[in-house]
Protein backbone atom coordinates (compact mmCIF):
# COMPACT_ATOMS: atom_id res chain seq x y z
CA MET A 1 0.00 0.00 0.00
CA LYS A 2 1.07 3.58 -0.56
CA ALA A 3 1.76 5.54 2.63
CA TYR A 4 1.61 9.29 3.17
CA LEU A 5 2.16 11.50 6.19
CA GLU A 6 0.74 15.02 6.23
CA PHE A 7 1.73 18.03 8.31
CA LYS A 8 -1.14 20.46 7.74
CA THR A 9 -1.23 24.20 8.35
CA ILE A 10 2.07 24.85 10.04
CA ARG A 11 1.45 28.53 10.77
CA HIS A 12 4.29 31.00 11.16
CA TYR A 13 4.51 34.80 11.17
CA SER A 14 7.09 35.98 8.66
CA TYR A 15 8.44 39.16 7.15
CA CYS A 16 8.79 37.94 3.58
CA GLY A 17 7.80 39.94 0.57
CA THR A 18 9.16 42.15 -2.16
CA TYR A 19 7.95 45.45 -0.72
CA PRO A 20 9.72 47.28 2.13
CA GLU A 21 6.37 47.51 3.96
CA GLU A 22 6.09 43.70 3.98
CA GLU A 23 9.43 43.44 5.74
CA LYS A 24 8.10 45.77 8.46
CA VAL A 25 4.50 44.57 8.81
CA GLY A 26 4.85 40.86 8.03
CA THR A 27 2.10 38.33 7.52
CA TYR A 28 1.17 34.76 8.38
CA LEU A 29 2.34 31.86 6.27
CA ASN A 30 0.60 28.50 6.25
CA ILE A 31 2.81 25.61 5.24
CA ASP A 32 1.55 22.15 4.31
CA ILE A 33 4.07 19.32 4.11
CA TYR A 34 3.31 15.90 2.67
CA ALA A 35 5.73 12.98 2.90
CA ARG A 36 5.36 10.06 0.47
CA LEU A 37 6.70 7.23 2.59
CA ALA A 38 7.92 3.87 1.36
CA ASP A 39 5.23 1.41 0.32
CA ARG A 40 3.82 -0.57 3.24
CA ASP A 41 2.77 -4.09 3.98
CA VAL A 42 -0.33 -3.62 6.15
CA ASN A 43 0.69 -6.61 8.26
CA VAL A 44 3.96 -5.01 9.42
CA LYS A 45 4.08 -2.22 12.02
CA MET A 46 5.96 0.95 11.11
CA GLU A 47 9.06 2.02 13.05
CA LEU A 48 10.09 5.63 13.73
CA ASN A 49 13.08 5.38 11.37
CA GLU A 50 10.64 4.61 8.51
CA THR A 51 8.59 7.74 9.01
CA VAL A 52 9.17 11.40 9.95
CA ASP A 53 9.75 12.57 13.52
CA TYR A 54 7.05 15.20 14.05
CA GLU A 55 9.08 17.13 16.61
CA LEU A 56 11.74 18.02 14.04
CA ILE A 57 9.40 19.58 11.46
CA TYR A 58 8.16 22.75 13.21
CA PRO A 59 11.57 24.03 14.40
CA MET A 60 12.98 23.47 10.91
CA VAL A 61 10.14 25.40 9.26
CA LYS A 62 10.31 28.16 11.89
CA GLU A 63 14.04 28.64 11.29
CA ILE A 64 13.60 28.83 7.51
CA CYS A 65 10.65 31.25 7.74
CA SER A 66 12.55 33.47 10.19
CA GLY A 67 15.31 34.04 7.65
CA ASN A 68 15.48 36.73 4.99
CA ASN A 69 13.43 35.25 2.15
CA PHE A 70 11.74 37.62 -0.25
CA LEU A 71 9.53 35.13 -2.07
CA ILE A 72 7.32 32.29 -0.86
CA GLU A 73 8.77 30.32 -3.76
CA ASN A 74 12.22 30.49 -2.16
CA LEU A 75 10.82 29.48 1.22
CA CYS A 76 9.20 26.44 -0.35
CA ILE A 77 12.38 25.46 -2.19
CA GLU A 78 14.44 25.74 1.00
CA ILE A 79 11.94 23.69 3.02
CA VAL A 80 12.04 20.88 0.45
CA ARG A 81 15.85 21.03 0.30
CA ARG A 82 16.19 20.71 4.08
CA LEU A 83 13.57 17.97 4.35
CA LYS A 84 15.44 15.91 1.75
CA LEU A 85 18.69 16.33 3.68
CA LYS A 86 17.22 15.51 7.09
CA PHE A 87 14.93 12.66 6.04
CA ASP A 88 16.78 10.99 3.19
CA HIS A 89 14.74 7.79 3.64
CA VAL A 90 11.57 9.59 2.46
CA PRO A 91 11.16 8.94 -1.29
CA ALA A 92 9.23 12.12 -2.18
CA TRP A 93 7.85 15.36 -0.76
CA LYS A 94 5.12 17.83 -1.58
CA VAL A 95 5.28 21.25 0.10
CA SER A 96 2.93 24.22 -0.20
CA VAL A 97 3.50 27.71 1.20
CA CYS A 98 0.48 30.02 1.45
CA LYS A 99 0.86 33.72 2.21
CA GLU A 100 -2.15 35.21 3.97
CA ASN A 101 -3.38 38.56 2.68
CA PRO A 102 -0.30 40.00 0.98
CA LEU A 103 0.08 43.72 1.49
CA GLY A 104 -2.56 45.70 -0.33
CA THR A 105 -4.41 42.77 -1.93
CA GLY A 106 -7.35 42.31 0.43
CA THR A 107 -8.51 38.78 1.13
CA PHE A 108 -6.27 36.76 -1.12
CA HIS A 109 -3.93 33.85 -0.39
CA PRO A 110 -1.27 33.03 -3.01
CA VAL A 111 0.10 29.49 -2.73
CA PHE A 112 3.28 28.02 -4.19
CA THR A 113 3.68 24.23 -4.30
CA LEU A 114 6.65 22.01 -5.09
CA VAL A 115 6.09 18.32 -5.87
CA ASP A 116 8.89 15.77 -6.05
CA GLU A 117 8.98 13.30 -8.89
CA GLY A 118 7.63 10.06 -7.53
CA TYR A 119 5.02 11.76 -5.36
CA GLU A 120 1.79 10.14 -6.49
């Protein structure tokens, strides 16, 4: 069977954006992370080294979002890069970064998503 693990709506306040005002005011980002785990035999229990340690995800995302990133695209790319380094046993990742209400746009939430090859 195919196995997936989802980390939904990791919310972090960030000062990313291309306008000087965005670096002062900031906004919330919502990050969704999906891990495509190795195929499973339903009769065999999963061990921690076969999955993703939840406690390591939030601090990693917080550190990346706290840095100086101008575009949500770059945040997303860096999150995927670090996930691949930390959890090299995970075959594929899908990561989405959503920026809440960018400066001056009203109620609007742009989302950028990266999907690894092999993520089905």
